[in-house]
Amino acid sequence: MKRFEVGARVHEPTYGAGSVIAIEDAYTRIQFDDNTVRKFLTSLAKLEPSSEPAPPTRPRARKRKTASTSAAKTKKAAKAAAPADAAE
């Protein structure tokens, strides 16, 4: 049974290259290069050491709520409510 340290680069035949992010009692958690995290039973996992470097990380861009977006939503809500008010 191969033991890896946290941060070690590994290769798994199905999912490809990744980095060990946690070692638990009988499990090893790996974050793969496509940003998925998978948990493997250490004794059954087919992990091999990899010399492939980790891909550069990019910060995720967050959408900002703008005043025009909020105003547009308010107008739509008012427009949808207006016909119901007119019927009364």
PDB file of N, CA and C in Angstrom:
ATOM      1  N   MET A   1       0.848  -1.176   0.000  1.00  0.00           N
ATOM      2  CA  MET A   1       0.000   0.000   0.000  1.00  0.00           C
ATOM      3  C   MET A   1       0.893   1.239   0.000  1.00  0.00           C
ATOM      4  N   LYS A   2       0.663   2.120  -0.958  1.00  0.00           N
ATOM      5  CA  LYS A   2       1.459   3.342  -1.059  1.00  0.00           C
ATOM      6  C   LYS A   2       0.841   4.419  -0.190  1.00  0.00           C
ATOM      7  N   ARG A   3       1.684   5.155   0.505  1.00  0.00           N
ATOM      8  CA  ARG A   3       1.230   6.270   1.338  1.00  0.00           C
ATOM      9  C   ARG A   3       1.720   7.559   0.711  1.00  0.00           C
ATOM     10  N   PHE A   4       0.838   8.528   0.651  1.00  0.00           N
ATOM     11  CA  PHE A   4       1.187   9.831   0.109  1.00  0.00           C
ATOM     12  C   PHE A   4       0.991  10.881   1.186  1.00  0.00           C
ATOM     13  N   GLU A   5       1.724  11.945   1.080  1.00  0.00           N
ATOM     14  CA  GLU A   5       1.595  13.070   1.994  1.00  0.00           C
ATOM     15  C   GLU A   5       0.606  14.081   1.420  1.00  0.00           C
ATOM     16  N   VAL A   6       0.034  14.902   2.286  1.00  0.00           N
ATOM     17  CA  VAL A   6      -0.839  15.973   1.830  1.00  0.00           C
ATOM     18  C   VAL A   6      -0.025  16.901   0.939  1.00  0.00           C
ATOM     19  N   GLY A   7      -0.574  17.249  -0.216  1.00  0.00           N
ATOM     20  CA  GLY A   7       0.118  18.100  -1.172  1.00  0.00           C
ATOM     21  C   GLY A   7       0.821  17.327  -2.275  1.00  0.00           C
ATOM     22  N   ALA A   8       0.948  16.007  -2.121  1.00  0.00           N
ATOM     23  CA  ALA A   8       1.624  15.196  -3.132  1.00  0.00           C
ATOM     24  C   ALA A   8       0.794  15.153  -4.413  1.00  0.00           C
ATOM     25  N   ARG A   9       1.471  15.166  -5.542  1.00  0.00           N
ATOM     26  CA  ARG A   9       0.807  15.035  -6.839  1.00  0.00           C
ATOM     27  C   ARG A   9       0.696  13.555  -7.167  1.00  0.00           C
ATOM     28  N   VAL A  10      -0.499  13.122  -7.584  1.00  0.00           N
ATOM     29  CA  VAL A  10      -0.746  11.719  -7.906  1.00  0.00           C
ATOM     30  C   VAL A  10      -1.503  11.620  -9.223  1.00  0.00           C
ATOM     31  N   HIS A  11      -1.521  10.404  -9.777  1.00  0.00           N
ATOM     32  CA  HIS A  11      -2.285  10.125 -10.986  1.00  0.00           C
ATOM     33  C   HIS A  11      -3.167   8.916 -10.707  1.00  0.00           C
ATOM     34  N   GLU A  12      -4.459   9.039 -11.049  1.00  0.00           N
ATOM     35  CA  GLU A  12      -5.415   7.951 -10.904  1.00  0.00           C
ATOM     36  C   GLU A  12      -5.893   7.625 -12.310  1.00  0.00           C
ATOM     37  N   PRO A  13      -5.962   6.339 -12.692  1.00  0.00           N
ATOM     38  CA  PRO A  13      -6.270   5.981 -14.086  1.00  0.00           C
ATOM     39  C   PRO A  13      -7.585   6.550 -14.629  1.00  0.00           C
ATOM     40  N   THR A  14      -8.620   6.633 -13.828  1.00  0.00           N
ATOM     41  CA  THR A  14      -9.918   7.107 -14.311  1.00  0.00           C
ATOM     42  C   THR A  14     -10.010   8.618 -14.355  1.00  0.00           C
ATOM     43  N   TYR A  15      -9.511   9.294 -13.319  1.00  0.00           N
ATOM     44  CA  TYR A  15      -9.704  10.737 -13.168  1.00  0.00           C
ATOM     45  C   TYR A  15      -8.491  11.580 -13.546  1.00  0.00           C
ATOM     46  N   GLY A  16      -7.341  10.987 -13.715  1.00  0.00           N
ATOM     47  CA  GLY A  16      -6.156  11.728 -14.132  1.00  0.00           C
ATOM     48  C   GLY A  16      -5.341  12.254 -12.966  1.00  0.00           C
ATOM     49  N   ALA A  17      -4.691  13.388 -13.191  1.00  0.00           N
ATOM     50  CA  ALA A  17      -3.771  13.960 -12.205  1.00  0.00           C
ATOM     51  C   ALA A  17      -4.521  14.798 -11.179  1.00  0.00           C
ATOM     52  N   GLY A  18      -3.972  14.801  -9.960  1.00  0.00           N
ATOM     53  CA  GLY A  18      -4.564  15.588  -8.892  1.00  0.00           C
ATOM     54  C   GLY A  18      -3.599  15.740  -7.737  1.00  0.00           C
ATOM     55  N   SER A  19      -4.059  16.433  -6.700  1.00  0.00           N
ATOM     56  CA  SER A  19      -3.250  16.677  -5.503  1.00  0.00           C
ATOM     57  C   SER A  19      -3.959  16.102  -4.294  1.00  0.00           C
ATOM     58  N   VAL A  20      -3.197  15.449  -3.415  1.00  0.00           N
ATOM     59  CA  VAL A  20      -3.755  14.910  -2.175  1.00  0.00           C
ATOM     60  C   VAL A  20      -4.076  16.093  -1.265  1.00  0.00           C
ATOM     61  N   ILE A  21      -5.330  16.179  -0.807  1.00  0.00           N
ATOM     62  CA  ILE A  21      -5.711  17.287   0.070  1.00  0.00           C
ATOM     63  C   ILE A  21      -5.986  16.835   1.499  1.00  0.00           C
ATOM     64  N   ALA A  22      -6.216  15.529   1.704  1.00  0.00           N
ATOM     65  CA  ALA A  22      -6.457  15.038   3.062  1.00  0.00           C
ATOM     66  C   ALA A  22      -6.191  13.543   3.118  1.00  0.00           C
ATOM     67  N   ILE A  23      -5.681  13.112   4.261  1.00  0.00           N
ATOM     68  CA  ILE A  23      -5.497  11.692   4.517  1.00  0.00           C
ATOM     69  C   ILE A  23      -6.243  11.397   5.804  1.00  0.00           C
ATOM     70  N   GLU A  24      -7.273  10.558   5.693  1.00  0.00           N
ATOM     71  CA  GLU A  24      -8.089  10.195   6.834  1.00  0.00           C
ATOM     72  C   GLU A  24      -7.769   8.753   7.189  1.00  0.00           C
ATOM     73  N   ASP A  25      -8.461   8.179   8.154  1.00  0.00           N
ATOM     74  CA  ASP A  25      -8.153   6.823   8.634  1.00  0.00           C
ATOM     75  C   ASP A  25      -7.857   5.847   7.496  1.00  0.00           C
ATOM     76  N   ALA A  26      -8.847   5.523   6.703  1.00  0.00           N
ATOM     77  CA  ALA A  26      -8.659   4.562   5.621  1.00  0.00           C
ATOM     78  C   ALA A  26      -8.875   5.189   4.252  1.00  0.00           C
ATOM     79  N   TYR A  27      -9.028   6.519   4.223  1.00  0.00           N
ATOM     80  CA  TYR A  27      -9.355   7.203   2.978  1.00  0.00           C
ATOM     81  C   TYR A  27      -8.330   8.265   2.614  1.00  0.00           C
ATOM     82  N   THR A  28      -8.257   8.533   1.319  1.00  0.00           N
ATOM     83  CA  THR A  28      -7.419   9.616   0.805  1.00  0.00           C
ATOM     84  C   THR A  28      -8.305  10.493  -0.062  1.00  0.00           C
ATOM     85  N   ARG A  29      -8.301  11.815   0.213  1.00  0.00           N
ATOM     86  CA  ARG A  29      -9.079  12.763  -0.600  1.00  0.00           C
ATOM     87  C   ARG A  29      -8.129  13.439  -1.582  1.00  0.00           C
ATOM     88  N   ILE A  30      -8.589  13.489  -2.835  1.00  0.00           N
ATOM     89  CA  ILE A  30      -7.770  14.064  -3.900  1.00  0.00           C
ATOM     90  C   ILE A  30      -8.584  15.115  -4.639  1.00  0.00           C
ATOM     91  N   GLN A  31      -7.959  16.277  -4.849  1.00  0.00           N
ATOM     92  CA  GLN A  31      -8.575  17.297  -5.695  1.00  0.00           C
ATOM     93  C   GLN A  31      -7.906  17.189  -7.055  1.00  0.00           C
ATOM     94  N   PHE A  32      -8.728  16.849  -8.050  1.00  0.00           N
ATOM     95  CA  PHE A  32      -8.200  16.661  -9.393  1.00  0.00           C
ATOM     96  C   PHE A  32      -8.085  17.995 -10.114  1.00  0.00           C
ATOM     97  N   ASP A  33      -7.365  17.995 -11.197  1.00  0.00           N
ATOM     98  CA  ASP A  33      -7.074  19.222 -11.928  1.00  0.00           C
ATOM     99  C   ASP A  33      -8.320  19.889 -12.498  1.00  0.00           C
ATOM    100  N   ASP A  34      -9.435  19.163 -12.592  1.00  0.00           N
ATOM    101  CA  ASP A  34     -10.686  19.778 -13.058  1.00  0.00           C
ATOM    102  C   ASP A  34     -11.511  20.308 -11.881  1.00  0.00           C
ATOM    103  N   ASN A  35     -10.884  20.426 -10.716  1.00  0.00           N
ATOM    104  CA  ASN A  35     -11.459  20.961  -9.474  1.00  0.00           C
ATOM    105  C   ASN A  35     -12.488  20.062  -8.809  1.00  0.00           C
ATOM    106  N   THR A  36     -12.597  18.804  -9.201  1.00  0.00           N
ATOM    107  CA  THR A  36     -13.463  17.880  -8.478  1.00  0.00           C
ATOM    108  C   THR A  36     -12.664  17.260  -7.345  1.00  0.00           C
ATOM    109  N   VAL A  37     -13.340  16.966  -6.245  1.00  0.00           N
ATOM    110  CA  VAL A  37     -12.698  16.313  -5.109  1.00  0.00           C
ATOM    111  C   VAL A  37     -13.315  14.929  -4.985  1.00  0.00           C
ATOM    112  N   ARG A  38     -12.479  13.934  -4.870  1.00  0.00           N
ATOM    113  CA  ARG A  38     -12.953  12.556  -4.741  1.00  0.00           C
ATOM    114  C   ARG A  38     -12.277  11.901  -3.539  1.00  0.00           C
ATOM    115  N   LYS A  39     -13.009  10.985  -2.921  1.00  0.00           N
ATOM    116  CA  LYS A  39     -12.533  10.274  -1.738  1.00  0.00           C
ATOM    117  C   LYS A  39     -12.316   8.814  -2.132  1.00  0.00           C
ATOM    118  N   PHE A  40     -11.129   8.317  -1.886  1.00  0.00           N
ATOM    119  CA  PHE A  40     -10.774   6.947  -2.255  1.00  0.00           C
ATOM    120  C   PHE A  40     -10.435   6.121  -1.021  1.00  0.00           C
ATOM    121  N   LEU A  41     -10.840   4.865  -1.037  1.00  0.00           N
ATOM    122  CA  LEU A  41     -10.398   3.935  -0.016  1.00  0.00           C
ATOM    123  C   LEU A  41      -8.933   3.659  -0.310  1.00  0.00           C
ATOM    124  N   THR A  42      -8.063   4.047   0.592  1.00  0.00           N
ATOM    125  CA  THR A  42      -6.621   4.024   0.342  1.00  0.00           C
ATOM    126  C   THR A  42      -6.123   2.649  -0.071  1.00  0.00           C
ATOM    127  N   SER A  43      -6.634   1.602   0.557  1.00  0.00           N
ATOM    128  CA  SER A  43      -6.129   0.254   0.260  1.00  0.00           C
ATOM    129  C   SER A  43      -6.520  -0.225  -1.135  1.00  0.00           C
ATOM    130  N   LEU A  44      -7.575   0.336  -1.730  1.00  0.00           N
ATOM    131  CA  LEU A  44      -8.014  -0.104  -3.056  1.00  0.00           C
ATOM    132  C   LEU A  44      -7.667   0.868  -4.178  1.00  0.00           C
ATOM    133  N   ALA A  45      -7.285   2.068  -3.837  1.00  0.00           N
ATOM    134  CA  ALA A  45      -7.018   3.092  -4.855  1.00  0.00           C
ATOM    135  C   ALA A  45      -5.792   2.737  -5.691  1.00  0.00           C
ATOM    136  N   LYS A  46      -5.885   3.020  -6.976  1.00  0.00           N
ATOM    137  CA  LYS A  46      -4.771   2.765  -7.898  1.00  0.00           C
ATOM    138  C   LYS A  46      -4.054   4.079  -8.163  1.00  0.00           C
ATOM    139  N   LEU A  47      -3.419   4.595  -7.142  1.00  0.00           N
ATOM    140  CA  LEU A  47      -2.745   5.880  -7.232  1.00  0.00           C
ATOM    141  C   LEU A  47      -1.262   5.679  -7.510  1.00  0.00           C
ATOM    142  N   GLU A  48      -0.755   6.483  -8.404  1.00  0.00           N
ATOM    143  CA  GLU A  48       0.671   6.472  -8.725  1.00  0.00           C
ATOM    144  C   GLU A  48       1.220   7.878  -8.521  1.00  0.00           C
ATOM    145  N   PRO A  49       2.463   8.000  -8.076  1.00  0.00           N
ATOM    146  CA  PRO A  49       3.054   9.344  -7.949  1.00  0.00           C
ATOM    147  C   PRO A  49       3.147  10.011  -9.319  1.00  0.00           C
ATOM    148  N   SER A  50       2.992  11.316  -9.341  1.00  0.00           N
ATOM    149  CA  SER A  50       3.045  12.057 -10.598  1.00  0.00           C
ATOM    150  C   SER A  50       4.017  13.217 -10.462  1.00  0.00           C
ATOM    151  N   SER A  51       4.759  13.474 -11.522  1.00  0.00           N
ATOM    152  CA  SER A  51       5.676  14.617 -11.522  1.00  0.00           C
ATOM    153  C   SER A  51       5.055  15.800 -12.272  1.00  0.00           C
ATOM    154  N   GLU A  52       3.817  15.614 -12.763  1.00  0.00           N
ATOM    155  CA  GLU A  52       3.127  16.682 -13.490  1.00  0.00           C
ATOM    156  C   GLU A  52       2.763  17.803 -12.515  1.00  0.00           C
ATOM    157  N   PRO A  53       3.146  19.040 -12.812  1.00  0.00           N
ATOM    158  CA  PRO A  53       2.853  20.143 -11.888  1.00  0.00           C
ATOM    159  C   PRO A  53       1.362  20.467 -11.861  1.00  0.00           C
ATOM    160  N   ALA A  54       0.931  21.037 -10.761  1.00  0.00           N
ATOM    161  CA  ALA A  54      -0.467  21.450 -10.626  1.00  0.00           C
ATOM    162  C   ALA A  54      -0.740  22.609 -11.574  1.00  0.00           C
ATOM    163  N   PRO A  55      -1.939  22.679 -12.121  1.00  0.00           N
ATOM    164  CA  PRO A  55      -2.261  23.801 -13.013  1.00  0.00           C
ATOM    165  C   PRO A  55      -2.332  25.098 -12.212  1.00  0.00           C
ATOM    166  N   PRO A  56      -2.052  26.212 -12.856  1.00  0.00           N
ATOM    167  CA  PRO A  56      -2.142  27.484 -12.130  1.00  0.00           C
ATOM    168  C   PRO A  56      -3.584  27.740 -11.718  1.00  0.00           C
ATOM    169  N   THR A  57      -3.768  28.247 -10.522  1.00  0.00           N
ATOM    170  CA  THR A  57      -5.117  28.516 -10.047  1.00  0.00           C
ATOM    171  C   THR A  57      -5.528  29.914 -10.472  1.00  0.00           C
ATOM    172  N   ARG A  58      -6.781  30.042 -10.837  1.00  0.00           N
ATOM    173  CA  ARG A  58      -7.326  31.336 -11.220  1.00  0.00           C
ATOM    174  C   ARG A  58      -8.432  31.680 -10.234  1.00  0.00           C
ATOM    175  N   PRO A  59      -8.428  32.883  -9.736  1.00  0.00           N
ATOM    176  CA  PRO A  59      -9.522  33.261  -8.841  1.00  0.00           C
ATOM    177  C   PRO A  59     -10.828  33.317  -9.620  1.00  0.00           C
ATOM    178  N   ARG A  60     -11.901  32.883  -8.981  1.00  0.00           N
ATOM    179  CA  ARG A  60     -13.197  32.908  -9.637  1.00  0.00           C
ATOM    180  C   ARG A  60     -13.735  34.325  -9.676  1.00  0.00           C
ATOM    181  N   ALA A  61     -14.239  34.714 -10.811  1.00  0.00           N
ATOM    182  CA  ALA A  61     -14.838  36.040 -10.947  1.00  0.00           C
ATOM    183  C   ALA A  61     -16.264  35.976 -10.418  1.00  0.00           C
ATOM    184  N   ARG A  62     -16.604  36.912  -9.558  1.00  0.00           N
ATOM    185  CA  ARG A  62     -17.955  36.973  -9.017  1.00  0.00           C
ATOM    186  C   ARG A  62     -18.736  38.050  -9.743  1.00  0.00           C
ATOM    187  N   LYS A  63     -19.972  37.732 -10.037  1.00  0.00           N
ATOM    188  CA  LYS A  63     -20.818  38.727 -10.670  1.00  0.00           C
ATOM    189  C   LYS A  63     -21.208  39.750  -9.623  1.00  0.00           C
ATOM    190  N   ARG A  64     -21.116  40.992  -9.998  1.00  0.00           N
ATOM    191  CA  ARG A  64     -21.511  42.061  -9.084  1.00  0.00           C
ATOM    192  C   ARG A  64     -22.910  42.522  -9.438  1.00  0.00           C
ATOM    193  N   LYS A  65     -23.652  42.799  -8.421  1.00  0.00           N
ATOM    194  CA  LYS A  65     -24.992  43.317  -8.629  1.00  0.00           C
ATOM    195  C   LYS A  65     -24.868  44.808  -8.893  1.00  0.00           C
ATOM    196  N   THR A  66     -25.357  45.239 -10.022  1.00  0.00           N
ATOM    197  CA  THR A  66     -25.269  46.657 -10.365  1.00  0.00           C
ATOM    198  C   THR A  66     -26.609  47.329 -10.111  1.00  0.00           C
ATOM    199  N   ALA A  67     -26.605  48.618 -10.040  1.00  0.00           N
ATOM    200  CA  ALA A  67     -27.824  49.377  -9.807  1.00  0.00           C
ATOM    201  C   ALA A  67     -28.812  49.183 -10.957  1.00  0.00           C
ATOM    202  N   SER A  68     -28.298  49.110 -12.185  1.00  0.00           N
ATOM    203  CA  SER A  68     -29.192  48.948 -13.333  1.00  0.00           C
ATOM    204  C   SER A  68     -29.862  47.575 -13.319  1.00  0.00           C
ATOM    205  N   THR A  69     -29.155  46.552 -12.852  1.00  0.00           N
ATOM    206  CA  THR A  69     -29.737  45.221 -12.763  1.00  0.00           C
ATOM    207  C   THR A  69     -30.844  45.197 -11.729  1.00  0.00           C
ATOM    208  N   SER A  70     -30.594  45.798 -10.578  1.00  0.00           N
ATOM    209  CA  SER A  70     -31.605  45.845  -9.524  1.00  0.00           C
ATOM    210  C   SER A  70     -32.813  46.656  -9.965  1.00  0.00           C
ATOM    211  N   ALA A  71     -32.592  47.772 -10.657  1.00  0.00           N
ATOM    212  CA  ALA A  71     -33.683  48.619 -11.131  1.00  0.00           C
ATOM    213  C   ALA A  71     -34.527  47.874 -12.159  1.00  0.00           C
ATOM    214  N   ALA A  72     -33.897  47.112 -13.028  1.00  0.00           N
ATOM    215  CA  ALA A  72     -34.621  46.360 -14.044  1.00  0.00           C
ATOM    216  C   ALA A  72     -35.509  45.308 -13.393  1.00  0.00           C
ATOM    217  N   LYS A  73     -35.012  44.645 -12.365  1.00  0.00           N
ATOM    218  CA  LYS A  73     -35.804  43.642 -11.666  1.00  0.00           C
ATOM    219  C   LYS A  73     -36.989  44.291 -10.965  1.00  0.00           C
ATOM    220  N   THR A  74     -36.784  45.462 -10.387  1.00  0.00           N
ATOM    221  CA  THR A  74     -37.858  46.175  -9.708  1.00  0.00           C
ATOM    222  C   THR A  74     -38.940  46.585 -10.703  1.00  0.00           C
ATOM    223  N   LYS A  75     -38.538  47.050 -11.882  1.00  0.00           N
ATOM    224  CA  LYS A  75     -39.500  47.445 -12.915  1.00  0.00           C
ATOM    225  C   LYS A  75     -40.311  46.245 -13.386  1.00  0.00           C
ATOM    226  N   LYS A  76     -39.638  45.097 -13.569  1.00  0.00           N
ATOM    227  CA  LYS A  76     -40.338  43.890 -14.003  1.00  0.00           C
ATOM    228  C   LYS A  76     -41.355  43.460 -12.954  1.00  0.00           C
ATOM    229  N   ALA A  77     -40.970  43.511 -11.679  1.00  0.00           N
ATOM    230  CA  ALA A  77     -41.874  43.118 -10.611  1.00  0.00           C
ATOM    231  C   ALA A  77     -43.070  44.059 -10.544  1.00  0.00           C
ATOM    232  N   ALA A  78     -42.841  45.361 -10.723  1.00  0.00           N
ATOM    233  CA  ALA A  78     -43.926  46.339 -10.697  1.00  0.00           C
ATOM    234  C   ALA A  78     -44.848  46.153 -11.892  1.00  0.00           C
ATOM    235  N   LYS A  79     -44.277  45.847 -13.035  1.00  0.00           N
ATOM    236  CA  LYS A  79     -45.057  45.661 -14.258  1.00  0.00           C
ATOM    237  C   LYS A  79     -45.938  44.411 -14.131  1.00  0.00           C
ATOM    238  N   ALA A  80     -45.396  43.361 -13.539  1.00  0.00           N
ATOM    239  CA  ALA A  80     -46.147  42.113 -13.360  1.00  0.00           C
ATOM    240  C   ALA A  80     -47.270  42.310 -12.352  1.00  0.00           C
ATOM    241  N   ALA A  81     -47.070  43.138 -11.347  1.00  0.00           N
ATOM    242  CA  ALA A  81     -48.083  43.361 -10.320  1.00  0.00           C
ATOM    243  C   ALA A  81     -49.157  44.339 -10.782  1.00  0.00           C
ATOM    244  N   ALA A  82     -48.867  45.215 -11.735  1.00  0.00           N
ATOM    245  CA  ALA A  82     -49.790  46.264 -12.182  1.00  0.00           C
ATOM    246  C   ALA A  82     -51.083  45.710 -12.767  1.00  0.00           C
ATOM    247  N   PRO A  83     -51.089  44.724 -13.673  1.00  0.00           N
ATOM    248  CA  PRO A  83     -52.349  44.212 -14.214  1.00  0.00           C
ATOM    249  C   PRO A  83     -53.248  43.606 -13.137  1.00  0.00           C
ATOM    250  N   ALA A  84     -52.678  42.981 -12.130  1.00  0.00           N
ATOM    251  CA  ALA A  84     -53.479  42.386 -11.070  1.00  0.00           C
ATOM    252  C   ALA A  84     -54.180  43.486 -10.263  1.00  0.00           C
ATOM    253  N   ASP A  85     -53.495  44.605 -10.048  1.00  0.00           N
ATOM    254  CA  ASP A  85     -54.067  45.708  -9.296  1.00  0.00           C
ATOM    255  C   ASP A  85     -55.202  46.377 -10.098  1.00  0.00           C
ATOM    256  N   ALA A  86     -55.078  46.446 -11.394  1.00  0.00           N
ATOM    257  CA  ALA A  86     -56.062  47.104 -12.240  1.00  0.00           C
ATOM    258  C   ALA A  86     -57.361  46.313 -12.307  1.00  0.00           C
ATOM    259  N   ALA A  87     -57.289  44.994 -12.120  1.00  0.00           N
ATOM    260  CA  ALA A  87     -58.471  44.148 -12.202  1.00  0.00           C
ATOM    261  C   ALA A  87     -59.378  44.332 -10.989  1.00  0.00           C
ATOM    262  N   GLU A  88     -58.854  44.784  -9.887  1.00  0.00           N
ATOM    263  CA  GLU A  88     -59.647  44.923  -8.665  1.00  0.00           C
ATOM    264  C   GLU A  88     -60.522  46.112  -8.652  1.00  0.00           C
TER     265      GLU A  88
END
